[in-house]
Amino acid sequence: MLKKVRTLWSRYALSPKPAVVYSAALASCLLTGWLLSLLVTWQQDRTELHERVSLLTQQLDQQIGLANGALGRIDGVPVSAACDLPRQMLASVVQSTPHARYALRVGADGTACTSDLSRQDVPALPGDGRVLLLSGSRDGKAVLRLQRHGYGVSMIELGGDAFVNLLQQAASGDMQAYMVLGEQYLAADGKVHPMDDSIGQGLSYSLPAPSGQFSIVMQESWLSVLEGSLLRRPDTLLLAVLAGLVLAWSLLRREVARNSTGWEIAQGIRNREFFTHYQPIVTAEHGECVGVEVLARWRHPVQGAIRSDLFIPAAEDAGLIVPLTRYLIRRVTKELKQVALPPGFFVGINIAAEHLGMPDLVEDCKILLAVLREKKAVLVLEVSERYPLPEHQVTHRVVQDLRQMGVKLALDDFGIGHADRNYLRRWGFDYLKVEKGYVSALGKDSFKTNILDGLLQTSHQLGVQVIVKGVETQGQQNYLSVKGFEFLQGFYFGKPMTLNHFRQWLYSGITQDRVPAAVGLGRAEATDR
């Protein structure tokens, strides 16, 4: 799975532009800051709801407690048909009970006496205990009636204005307060509503009264909580903005991170810090240039030139070797348009083994192939023997498609890896590029010298051509030429050079005289695809 992720990263991902980095850093820090602010706001609002509900419950339960005490006194009022004395007693209870408006006592025989002659309504309520309910009085205002059954019915009615005022005080701001009694609730607007699903939604807190006769619910909409997290915490958001700017700046600018890491390599690709050098490949007998190997170079804006043996492994580890190779192919395509090449001249480009397993490689090579075909030149893709090619159907298909397009395949660093005859036959390499350590061992290491001498016979049997790297002296050239090696590469003939230097070096001789030497290399037949 990790390998697949790295492959996808190397195929599609490049370092984003600074504007994207700043936007992403700001967005991430702002989101984090807002979430933190939202969490703090939610906790503060919930704590405030709890405090308000507790205080409101105590205040309302105290009022209801006084009314319950009044019910006890109403139970002791004697009921008679005349009702003069009971009426006075009930009126006295009403006058002495805060917020009481009306009292009624019904005897066991059904005789009823009230505190107000203008009202004779007797509530017919089921239940065998105290019942607390809400209703609407004749003037349209909410009232609370406390009723108790037992040896008749005792009832006291409380005006709802005092309860509504308490609800309104608690419901200041965006918070709403409700007094819930059974299937009804009293709201801060002074109206009685049937219970619905809206009660308890959003950020809410509820608490039953100690008497158990009602409960208080306070709630705040989530929209208010979200708005509060933005409006009440500007300091947090400001710090988040500063943190985002610092984060983006540190990612893009900190010098301690300016090295051959994946981030820096991606930045280098985006900023075009990578460029190409060309090292000649010549014939062993006459030293005529018949090809080049394209080498990647990195000019870091802070550290200067970075060695390829440092940034190439880093690019492979970071999964960026494929984007780097694509960038170099595009650069080589533009540069070689400016150079006249001898017919049969081949251009070698190093690619990673994983790149050869990507179908996109075929498309990557088409533009460069079009330029090389115009010059009757050949494209050679070089893969290192250090890493085996992936043995799956996609890789074989890619190799087949490349061959049909006229692309040659070379095995680089030959002699230090695992390749055997079966491996060479299976992939059908056109060239073997011998690791330079074998040349430096001439006259010093008889074992490596014997391997180098026997390589020609093996190459003839396999039908591949050999390119010996690392030639640094004329003696080495003479030895390899006498042994029958055809193509050489090394500092003795030319170090890696920029395009202008290579063009001057190439044109210093007569291009036409190099044609016969190039013929032995085998010309690629142009295919119109």
Protein backbone atom coordinates (compact mmCIF):
# COMPACT_ATOMS: atom_id res chain seq x y z
CA MET A 1 0.00 0.00 0.00
CA LEU A 2 2.81 2.40 0.91
CA LYS A 3 4.56 1.67 -2.36
CA LYS A 4 1.36 2.39 -4.29
CA VAL A 5 0.92 5.70 -2.49
CA ARG A 6 4.50 6.67 -3.28
CA THR A 7 3.95 5.75 -6.91
CA LEU A 8 0.85 7.94 -7.14
CA TRP A 9 2.72 10.74 -5.40
CA SER A 10 5.66 10.49 -7.76
CA ARG A 11 3.31 10.45 -10.72
CA TYR A 12 1.10 13.41 -9.91
CA ALA A 13 2.48 15.43 -6.99
CA LEU A 14 4.76 18.40 -7.26
CA SER A 15 5.39 21.12 -4.78
CA PRO A 16 2.55 23.65 -4.81
CA LYS A 17 3.14 27.30 -5.50
CA PRO A 18 3.79 29.65 -2.57
CA ALA A 19 0.30 31.11 -2.91
CA VAL A 20 -1.13 27.61 -2.48
CA VAL A 21 1.15 26.92 0.48
CA TYR A 22 0.14 30.16 2.19
CA SER A 23 -3.55 29.51 1.48
CA ALA A 24 -3.37 25.95 2.76
CA ALA A 25 -1.42 26.95 5.88
CA LEU A 26 -3.80 29.81 6.64
CA ALA A 27 -6.84 27.63 6.03
CA SER A 28 -5.56 24.82 8.25
CA CYS A 29 -4.58 27.18 11.08
CA LEU A 30 -7.84 29.13 10.80
CA LEU A 31 -9.81 25.91 10.85
CA THR A 32 -7.90 24.72 13.89
CA GLY A 33 -8.32 28.09 15.61
CA TRP A 34 -12.02 28.22 14.80
CA LEU A 35 -12.57 24.68 16.08
CA LEU A 36 -10.75 25.60 19.27
CA SER A 37 -12.83 28.77 19.57
CA LEU A 38 -15.98 26.77 18.90
CA LEU A 39 -15.07 24.27 21.60
CA VAL A 40 -14.40 27.05 24.12
CA THR A 41 -17.62 28.86 23.15
CA TRP A 42 -19.63 25.65 23.45
CA GLN A 43 -18.19 24.95 26.89
CA GLN A 44 -18.78 28.50 28.09
CA ASP A 45 -22.35 28.58 26.76
CA ARG A 46 -23.12 25.22 28.29
CA THR A 47 -21.78 26.39 31.64
CA GLU A 48 -23.84 29.57 31.36
CA LEU A 49 -26.95 27.57 30.49
CA HIS A 50 -26.39 25.38 33.52
CA GLU A 51 -26.04 28.38 35.82
CA ARG A 52 -29.11 30.11 34.41
CA VAL A 53 -31.25 26.97 34.55
CA SER A 54 -30.22 26.28 38.15
CA LEU A 55 -31.04 29.82 39.27
CA LEU A 56 -34.33 29.93 37.35
CA THR A 57 -35.40 26.54 38.70
CA GLN A 58 -34.77 27.66 42.27
CA GLN A 59 -36.76 30.88 41.76
CA LEU A 60 -39.74 29.19 40.15
CA ASP A 61 -39.74 26.27 42.56
CA GLN A 62 -39.80 28.75 45.44
CA GLN A 63 -42.93 30.37 43.99
CA ILE A 64 -44.57 27.00 43.46
CA GLY A 65 -43.64 26.01 47.00
CA LEU A 66 -45.51 28.98 48.42
CA ALA A 67 -48.56 27.97 46.35
CA ASN A 68 -48.34 24.42 47.63
CA GLY A 69 -48.37 25.80 51.18
CA ALA A 70 -51.47 27.77 50.30
CA LEU A 71 -53.15 24.55 49.14
CA GLY A 72 -52.73 23.19 52.64
CA ARG A 73 -54.59 26.14 54.07
CA ILE A 74 -57.33 25.76 51.45
CA ASP A 75 -57.80 22.14 52.48
CA GLY A 76 -58.82 23.41 55.93
CA VAL A 77 -61.52 25.77 54.66
CA PRO A 78 -65.01 24.45 55.65
CA VAL A 79 -67.45 24.36 52.75
CA SER A 80 -71.10 25.27 53.27
CA ALA A 81 -73.98 26.21 51.06
CA ALA A 82 -73.84 29.86 52.09
CA CYS A 83 -70.09 30.19 51.29
CA ASP A 84 -69.79 33.58 52.99
CA LEU A 85 -67.22 32.47 55.54
CA PRO A 86 -65.38 30.09 53.16
CA ARG A 87 -65.17 32.89 50.60
CA GLN A 88 -63.55 35.21 53.09
CA MET A 89 -61.09 32.52 54.13
CA LEU A 90 -60.23 31.70 50.51
CA ALA A 91 -59.82 35.41 49.69
CA SER A 92 -57.45 35.71 52.64
CA VAL A 93 -55.35 32.83 51.27
CA VAL A 94 -55.23 34.48 47.85
CA GLN A 95 -54.20 37.82 49.31
CA SER A 96 -51.42 36.26 51.39
CA THR A 97 -50.01 34.10 48.56
CA PRO A 98 -47.68 35.82 46.07
CA HIS A 99 -49.05 35.96 42.53
CA ALA A 100 -52.28 34.11 43.54
CA ARG A 101 -55.39 35.23 41.66
CA TYR A 102 -58.11 32.75 42.53
CA ALA A 103 -58.82 29.96 44.98
CA LEU A 104 -61.48 27.26 45.05
CA ARG A 105 -62.57 24.61 47.48
CA VAL A 106 -64.92 21.76 46.54
CA GLY A 107 -66.26 19.65 49.33
CA ALA A 108 -66.73 15.93 49.24
CA ASP A 109 -70.42 16.42 48.55
CA GLY A 110 -69.70 18.61 45.55
CA THR A 111 -70.42 21.93 47.23
CA ALA A 112 -68.04 24.57 45.86
CA CYS A 113 -66.90 27.87 47.29
CA THR A 114 -64.56 30.34 45.60
CA SER A 115 -62.59 33.42 46.48
CA ASP A 116 -64.29 35.38 43.69
CA LEU A 117 -68.04 35.50 43.18
CA SER A 118 -67.59 36.37 39.51
CA ARG A 119 -65.96 32.98 38.89
CA GLN A 120 -67.57 29.63 39.52
CA ASP A 121 -65.45 27.40 37.28
CA VAL A 122 -64.52 24.10 38.81
CA PRO A 123 -61.70 22.23 37.01
CA ALA A 124 -62.49 18.64 36.26
CA LEU A 125 -59.03 17.11 36.40
CA PRO A 126 -58.19 13.45 36.65
CA GLY A 127 -55.58 12.16 39.07
CA ASP A 128 -55.32 11.32 42.69
CA GLY A 129 -52.47 13.64 43.64
CA ARG A 130 -51.32 17.18 43.09
CA VAL A 131 -51.50 18.18 39.44
CA LEU A 132 -49.71 21.17 37.98
CA LEU A 133 -50.88 22.38 34.62
CA LEU A 134 -50.91 25.39 32.35
CA SER A 135 -53.92 26.90 30.73
CA GLY A 136 -55.13 30.24 29.45
CA SER A 137 -57.22 32.55 31.60
CA ARG A 138 -60.12 34.62 30.32
CA ASP A 139 -57.92 37.64 29.63
CA GLY A 140 -55.66 35.52 27.42
CA LYS A 141 -52.73 35.44 29.80
CA ALA A 142 -51.10 32.27 30.97
CA VAL A 143 -51.94 30.96 34.43
CA LEU A 144 -50.78 28.13 36.62
CA ARG A 145 -53.25 26.06 38.57
CA LEU A 146 -52.26 23.88 41.46
CA GLN A 147 -54.88 21.30 42.35
CA ARG A 148 -55.00 18.61 44.97
CA HIS A 149 -57.56 15.82 45.33
CA GLY A 150 -58.59 14.31 48.62
CA TYR A 151 -61.83 14.87 50.53
CA GLY A 152 -62.82 17.07 47.69
CA VAL A 153 -60.68 19.34 45.55
CA SER A 154 -58.47 22.27 46.53
CA MET A 155 -57.20 24.60 43.84
CA ILE A 156 -55.24 27.82 43.67
CA GLU A 157 -54.54 29.76 40.51
CA LEU A 158 -51.37 31.79 40.01
CA GLY A 159 -50.91 34.54 37.49
CA GLY A 160 -48.29 33.73 34.89
CA ASP A 161 -46.80 37.23 34.61
CA ALA A 162 -44.25 36.68 37.37
CA PHE A 163 -43.13 33.36 35.82
CA VAL A 164 -42.95 34.92 32.38
CA ASN A 165 -40.78 37.75 33.73
CA LEU A 166 -38.35 35.25 35.22
CA LEU A 167 -38.22 33.36 31.93
CA GLN A 168 -37.56 36.57 30.03
CA GLN A 169 -34.72 37.54 32.37
CA ALA A 170 -33.10 34.13 31.97
CA ALA A 171 -33.63 34.12 28.19
CA SER A 172 -31.61 37.25 27.53
CA GLY A 173 -29.58 37.28 24.36
CA ASP A 174 -29.88 34.31 22.01
CA MET A 175 -30.84 31.88 24.75
CA GLN A 176 -34.42 30.66 25.15
CA ALA A 177 -36.00 29.49 28.40
CA TYR A 178 -39.05 27.26 28.80
CA MET A 179 -41.03 26.02 31.79
CA VAL A 180 -42.24 22.54 30.92
CA LEU A 181 -45.28 21.03 32.59
CA GLY A 182 -46.39 17.70 31.21
CA GLU A 183 -47.27 18.05 27.54
CA GLN A 184 -47.20 21.85 27.60
CA TYR A 185 -44.62 24.54 28.16
CA LEU A 186 -44.62 28.20 29.04
CA ALA A 187 -42.32 30.32 26.87
CA ALA A 188 -40.78 33.72 27.49
CA ASP A 189 -43.34 35.23 25.11
CA GLY A 190 -46.01 34.56 27.77
CA LYS A 191 -47.86 31.95 25.73
CA VAL A 192 -48.62 28.32 26.45
CA HIS A 193 -47.56 25.90 23.74
CA PRO A 194 -48.00 22.17 23.25
CA MET A 195 -44.75 20.21 23.44
CA ASP A 196 -42.98 19.74 20.10
CA ASP A 197 -39.64 18.48 18.78
CA SER A 198 -38.09 21.94 18.73
CA ILE A 199 -37.71 21.90 22.53
CA GLY A 200 -34.28 20.56 23.43
CA GLN A 201 -32.68 21.04 20.03
CA GLY A 202 -29.41 22.88 19.53
CA LEU A 203 -27.26 23.46 22.59
CA SER A 204 -29.65 22.79 25.48
CA TYR A 205 -29.69 22.08 29.18
CA SER A 206 -32.64 20.89 31.26
CA LEU A 207 -33.19 20.48 34.99
CA PRO A 208 -36.25 19.18 36.87
CA ALA A 209 -37.44 21.16 39.86
CA PRO A 210 -36.79 19.64 43.31
CA SER A 211 -40.53 19.36 43.77
CA GLY A 212 -40.76 17.35 40.59
CA GLN A 213 -43.78 19.32 39.42
CA PHE A 214 -42.10 20.99 36.44
CA SER A 215 -38.77 21.25 34.64
CA ILE A 216 -36.81 24.10 33.08
CA VAL A 217 -35.24 23.86 29.63
CA MET A 218 -32.84 26.41 28.21
CA GLN A 219 -31.43 26.17 24.72
CA GLU A 220 -29.37 28.07 22.19
CA SER A 221 -29.31 27.43 18.46
CA TRP A 222 -26.16 26.01 16.93
CA LEU A 223 -26.08 28.99 14.58
CA SER A 224 -25.73 31.29 17.58
CA VAL A 225 -22.96 29.11 18.97
CA LEU A 226 -21.14 29.23 15.62
CA GLU A 227 -21.57 33.00 15.38
CA GLY A 228 -20.39 33.38 18.93
CA SER A 229 -17.26 31.36 18.20
CA LEU A 230 -16.41 33.86 15.46
CA LEU A 231 -17.50 37.13 17.07
CA ARG A 232 -16.51 36.50 20.65
CA ARG A 233 -13.07 35.05 19.88
CA PRO A 234 -11.36 37.42 17.44
CA ASP A 235 -8.12 37.02 19.40
CA THR A 236 -8.06 33.29 18.70
CA LEU A 237 -8.71 33.81 14.99
CA LEU A 238 -6.05 36.52 14.81
CA LEU A 239 -3.53 34.20 16.43
CA ALA A 240 -4.57 31.48 13.98
CA VAL A 241 -3.89 33.83 11.05
CA LEU A 242 -0.46 34.68 12.42
CA ALA A 243 0.26 31.01 13.02
CA GLY A 244 -0.74 30.21 9.43
CA LEU A 245 1.56 32.89 8.05
CA VAL A 246 4.44 31.68 10.19
CA LEU A 247 3.80 28.08 9.20
CA ALA A 248 3.72 28.87 5.49
CA TRP A 249 6.81 31.05 5.74
CA SER A 250 8.70 28.38 7.64
CA LEU A 251 7.76 25.74 5.09
CA LEU A 252 8.86 27.87 2.17
CA ARG A 253 11.74 29.90 3.53
CA ARG A 254 13.51 28.32 6.47
CA GLU A 255 17.11 27.80 5.50
CA VAL A 256 17.65 24.91 7.88
CA ALA A 257 15.37 22.84 5.68
CA ARG A 258 17.11 23.86 2.44
CA ASN A 259 18.68 20.53 1.57
CA SER A 260 18.09 17.59 -0.74
CA THR A 261 14.86 16.50 0.90
CA GLY A 262 11.68 15.67 -0.94
CA TRP A 263 10.25 19.13 -0.29
CA GLU A 264 13.33 20.87 -1.60
CA ILE A 265 13.51 18.65 -4.65
CA ALA A 266 9.88 19.38 -5.44
CA GLN A 267 10.58 23.08 -4.97
CA GLY A 268 13.59 22.75 -7.24
CA ILE A 269 11.48 21.17 -9.98
CA ARG A 270 8.88 23.90 -9.72
CA ASN A 271 11.51 26.65 -9.68
CA ARG A 272 13.48 25.05 -12.53
CA GLU A 273 16.60 24.68 -10.44
CA PHE A 274 17.45 21.39 -12.18
CA PHE A 275 19.25 21.41 -15.51
CA THR A 276 21.06 18.97 -17.77
CA HIS A 277 24.64 18.11 -18.63
CA TYR A 278 25.72 15.96 -21.56
CA GLN A 279 28.58 13.46 -21.45
CA PRO A 280 29.85 12.09 -24.79
CA ILE A 281 29.92 8.43 -25.74
CA VAL A 282 32.58 7.69 -28.35
CA THR A 283 33.91 4.81 -30.45
CA ALA A 284 36.78 2.93 -28.86
CA GLU A 285 38.86 2.88 -32.04
CA HIS A 286 38.70 6.50 -33.23
CA GLY A 287 37.09 8.42 -30.39
CA GLU A 288 34.28 9.68 -32.60
CA CYS A 289 31.21 10.87 -30.69
CA VAL A 290 28.20 8.69 -31.43
CA GLY A 291 25.95 9.50 -28.48
CA VAL A 292 25.51 11.22 -25.14
CA GLU A 293 24.23 10.42 -21.72
CA VAL A 294 21.97 13.09 -20.24
CA LEU A 295 22.85 13.78 -16.61
CA ALA A 296 20.79 15.74 -14.09
CA ARG A 297 22.34 18.63 -12.19
CA TRP A 298 20.95 20.79 -9.39
CA ARG A 299 21.91 24.37 -8.70
CA HIS A 300 20.41 25.09 -5.29
CA PRO A 301 19.59 28.77 -4.61
CA VAL A 302 21.19 28.56 -1.15
CA GLN A 303 23.63 25.66 -1.15
CA GLY A 304 24.77 26.01 -4.74
CA ALA A 305 25.62 22.90 -6.75
CA ILE A 306 24.44 19.67 -5.11
CA ARG A 307 25.99 16.38 -6.14
CA SER A 308 23.77 14.01 -8.07
CA ASP A 309 24.75 11.07 -5.85
CA LEU A 310 23.02 12.99 -3.03
CA PHE A 311 19.82 14.30 -4.59
CA ILE A 312 19.04 11.32 -6.87
CA PRO A 313 18.68 8.86 -3.93
CA ALA A 314 16.77 11.54 -2.01
CA ALA A 315 14.38 11.96 -4.94
CA GLU A 316 13.87 8.20 -5.08
CA ASP A 317 13.17 8.02 -1.35
CA ALA A 318 10.74 10.94 -1.58
CA GLY A 319 8.86 9.43 -4.52
CA LEU A 320 9.84 12.35 -6.79
CA ILE A 321 12.22 10.64 -9.18
CA VAL A 322 9.49 10.25 -11.81
CA PRO A 323 8.45 13.95 -11.79
CA LEU A 324 12.15 14.87 -11.93
CA THR A 325 12.69 12.58 -14.93
CA ARG A 326 9.66 14.04 -16.70
CA TYR A 327 10.98 17.53 -16.14
CA LEU A 328 14.38 16.55 -17.57
CA ILE A 329 12.79 14.89 -20.62
CA ARG A 330 10.89 18.09 -21.40
CA ARG A 331 14.05 20.15 -20.93
CA VAL A 332 16.12 17.85 -23.17
CA THR A 333 13.41 18.03 -25.83
CA LYS A 334 13.66 21.82 -25.96
CA GLU A 335 17.47 21.85 -25.89
CA LEU A 336 18.11 19.25 -28.57
CA LYS A 337 15.97 21.19 -31.04
CA GLN A 338 18.91 23.59 -31.19
CA VAL A 339 21.56 20.96 -31.98
CA ALA A 340 22.37 19.26 -35.27
CA LEU A 341 23.11 15.61 -34.54
CA PRO A 342 24.84 13.02 -36.74
CA PRO A 343 22.55 10.30 -38.15
CA GLY A 344 22.33 7.34 -35.79
CA PHE A 345 23.35 9.48 -32.83
CA PHE A 346 21.76 8.18 -29.64
CA VAL A 347 20.62 10.09 -26.58
CA GLY A 348 20.61 8.19 -23.29
CA ILE A 349 18.30 9.25 -20.46
CA ASN A 350 18.31 7.59 -17.06
CA ILE A 351 14.93 6.49 -15.73
CA ALA A 352 13.88 4.72 -12.56
CA ALA A 353 12.74 1.12 -12.66
CA GLU A 354 9.33 2.15 -11.32
CA HIS A 355 8.95 4.67 -14.17
CA LEU A 356 9.32 1.86 -16.67
CA GLY A 357 6.29 0.26 -15.01
CA MET A 358 4.07 3.28 -15.75
CA PRO A 359 2.09 3.46 -19.01
CA ASP A 360 2.53 7.25 -18.91
CA LEU A 361 6.18 6.78 -19.85
CA VAL A 362 5.14 6.10 -23.45
CA GLU A 363 3.43 9.50 -23.63
CA ASP A 364 6.38 11.14 -21.86
CA CYS A 365 8.73 9.97 -24.62
CA LYS A 366 6.62 10.84 -27.67
CA ILE A 367 7.56 14.54 -27.88
CA LEU A 368 11.27 13.81 -27.46
CA LEU A 369 11.03 11.02 -30.03
CA ALA A 370 9.48 13.40 -32.53
CA VAL A 371 12.48 15.73 -32.20
CA LEU A 372 15.00 12.89 -32.44
CA ARG A 373 13.32 11.37 -35.49
CA GLU A 374 13.75 14.62 -37.36
CA LYS A 375 17.47 14.37 -36.68
CA LYS A 376 17.59 10.60 -37.37
CA ALA A 377 18.73 10.09 -33.80
CA VAL A 378 17.86 7.34 -31.33
CA LEU A 379 16.40 7.52 -27.81
CA VAL A 380 17.94 5.13 -25.29
CA LEU A 381 16.36 4.70 -21.86
CA GLU A 382 18.87 3.62 -19.23
CA VAL A 383 17.79 1.69 -16.15
CA SER A 384 20.19 0.80 -13.37
CA GLU A 385 21.09 -2.77 -12.54
CA ARG A 386 20.90 -1.79 -8.88
CA TYR A 387 17.11 -2.08 -8.92
CA PRO A 388 15.36 -4.95 -10.76
CA LEU A 389 12.58 -4.10 -13.15
CA PRO A 390 9.11 -4.85 -11.76
CA GLU A 391 8.02 -8.24 -13.04
CA HIS A 392 4.43 -7.56 -13.98
CA GLN A 393 2.37 -7.32 -17.13
CA VAL A 394 2.27 -3.53 -17.24
CA THR A 395 6.06 -3.24 -17.39
CA HIS A 396 6.32 -5.76 -20.23
CA ARG A 397 3.59 -3.92 -22.11
CA VAL A 398 5.36 -0.57 -21.67
CA VAL A 399 8.65 -2.04 -22.89
CA GLN A 400 6.89 -3.53 -25.91
CA ASP A 401 5.21 -0.22 -26.78
CA LEU A 402 8.52 1.64 -26.46
CA ARG A 403 10.27 -0.82 -28.75
CA GLN A 404 7.57 -0.42 -31.36
CA MET A 405 8.26 3.33 -31.22
CA GLY A 406 11.98 2.75 -31.83
CA VAL A 407 13.19 3.32 -28.27
CA LYS A 408 16.26 1.33 -27.18
CA LEU A 409 16.87 -0.01 -23.67
CA ALA A 410 20.19 0.03 -21.83
CA LEU A 411 21.18 -1.63 -18.55
CA ASP A 412 23.29 0.89 -16.64
CA ASP A 413 25.79 0.11 -13.85
CA PHE A 414 26.19 -3.38 -15.25
CA GLY A 415 28.36 -5.58 -13.06
CA ILE A 416 27.23 -4.42 -9.61
CA GLY A 417 23.72 -5.82 -9.50
CA HIS A 418 21.88 -9.07 -9.86
CA ALA A 419 21.41 -9.34 -13.63
CA ASP A 420 22.11 -12.76 -15.20
CA ARG A 421 21.64 -14.11 -18.71
CA ASN A 422 17.98 -14.92 -18.15
CA TYR A 423 17.31 -11.39 -16.90
CA LEU A 424 19.05 -9.88 -19.95
CA ARG A 425 17.18 -12.14 -22.38
CA ARG A 426 13.84 -11.56 -20.67
CA TRP A 427 14.02 -7.80 -21.03
CA GLY A 428 15.95 -7.71 -24.29
CA PHE A 429 18.42 -4.93 -23.46
CA ASP A 430 20.13 -3.33 -26.45
CA TYR A 431 23.14 -1.98 -24.52
CA LEU A 432 25.11 -2.90 -21.42
CA LYS A 433 26.86 0.02 -19.74
CA VAL A 434 29.68 -1.41 -17.66
CA GLU A 435 30.19 0.16 -14.24
CA LYS A 436 33.29 2.35 -14.15
CA GLY A 437 34.87 0.37 -11.33
CA TYR A 438 35.87 -2.34 -13.81
CA VAL A 439 37.94 0.10 -15.86
CA SER A 440 39.68 1.57 -12.82
CA ALA A 441 40.56 -2.00 -11.77
CA LEU A 442 42.53 -2.71 -14.97
CA GLY A 443 46.02 -3.81 -13.96
CA LYS A 444 45.03 -3.88 -10.29
CA ASP A 445 42.25 -6.42 -9.88
CA SER A 446 42.70 -9.49 -12.04
CA PHE A 447 39.25 -10.80 -11.09
CA LYS A 448 37.42 -7.75 -12.43
CA THR A 449 39.75 -7.66 -15.44
CA ASN A 450 38.85 -11.25 -16.32
CA ILE A 451 35.15 -10.46 -15.98
CA LEU A 452 35.56 -7.47 -18.29
CA ASP A 453 37.45 -9.57 -20.85
CA GLY A 454 34.75 -12.26 -20.83
CA LEU A 455 31.94 -9.74 -21.22
CA LEU A 456 32.48 -9.39 -24.96
CA GLN A 457 31.78 -13.04 -25.62
CA THR A 458 28.65 -12.87 -23.49
CA SER A 459 27.45 -9.74 -25.25
CA HIS A 460 27.90 -11.34 -28.68
CA GLN A 461 25.89 -14.37 -27.55
CA LEU A 462 23.10 -12.16 -26.25
CA GLY A 463 23.16 -9.75 -29.19
CA VAL A 464 23.80 -6.64 -27.10
CA GLN A 465 26.39 -3.88 -27.47
CA VAL A 466 28.69 -2.87 -24.62
CA ILE A 467 29.50 0.66 -23.49
CA VAL A 468 32.37 0.87 -20.99
CA LYS A 469 32.18 3.80 -18.58
CA GLY A 470 34.88 5.46 -16.52
CA VAL A 471 37.67 5.70 -19.12
CA GLU A 472 40.16 8.31 -17.90
CA THR A 473 43.44 7.54 -19.65
CA GLN A 474 44.69 6.81 -23.14
CA GLY A 475 46.09 3.51 -21.90
CA GLN A 476 42.64 2.40 -20.85
CA GLN A 477 41.26 3.37 -24.25
CA ASN A 478 43.99 1.46 -26.07
CA TYR A 479 43.45 -1.65 -23.95
CA LEU A 480 39.70 -1.66 -24.45
CA SER A 481 40.03 -0.95 -28.17
CA VAL A 482 42.45 -3.85 -28.61
CA LYS A 483 40.12 -6.15 -26.67
CA GLY A 484 37.34 -5.30 -29.12
CA PHE A 485 35.05 -3.04 -27.13
CA GLU A 486 33.12 -0.68 -29.38
CA PHE A 487 31.97 2.25 -27.27
CA LEU A 488 33.52 4.11 -24.38
CA GLN A 489 32.53 6.88 -22.00
CA GLY A 490 34.61 8.79 -19.49
CA PHE A 491 36.45 11.96 -18.53
CA TYR A 492 39.24 11.19 -20.99
CA PHE A 493 36.90 12.00 -23.86
CA GLY A 494 34.77 14.63 -22.20
CA LYS A 495 33.34 15.51 -18.84
CA PRO A 496 29.64 16.24 -18.45
CA MET A 497 29.07 19.66 -19.99
CA THR A 498 26.33 22.16 -20.58
CA LEU A 499 24.47 22.23 -23.88
CA ASN A 500 26.54 25.11 -25.30
CA HIS A 501 29.81 23.47 -24.38
CA PHE A 502 28.68 20.13 -25.74
CA ARG A 503 27.56 21.73 -28.98
CA GLN A 504 30.97 23.40 -29.38
CA TRP A 505 32.70 20.16 -28.50
CA LEU A 506 30.56 18.20 -30.97
CA TYR A 507 31.03 20.73 -33.78
CA SER A 508 34.80 20.99 -33.23
CA GLY A 509 35.20 18.02 -35.57
CA ILE A 510 33.58 17.40 -38.93
CA THR A 511 30.16 15.94 -38.34
CA GLN A 512 30.14 14.12 -41.63
CA ASP A 513 33.29 12.18 -40.71
CA ARG A 514 31.52 10.75 -37.69
CA VAL A 515 28.76 9.10 -39.71
CA PRO A 516 30.64 5.87 -40.51
CA ALA A 517 31.50 5.37 -36.87
CA ALA A 518 27.88 5.84 -35.89
CA VAL A 519 26.69 3.24 -38.36
CA GLY A 520 28.20 0.48 -36.26
CA LEU A 521 25.94 1.46 -33.43
CA GLY A 522 22.87 0.45 -35.36
CA ARG A 523 20.46 3.11 -36.56
CA ALA A 524 16.95 3.25 -35.24
CA GLU A 525 14.28 2.82 -37.84
CA ALA A 526 11.89 5.71 -37.61
CA THR A 527 8.32 4.71 -36.90
CA ASP A 528 5.47 7.10 -37.60
CA ARG A 529 3.44 6.83 -34.44
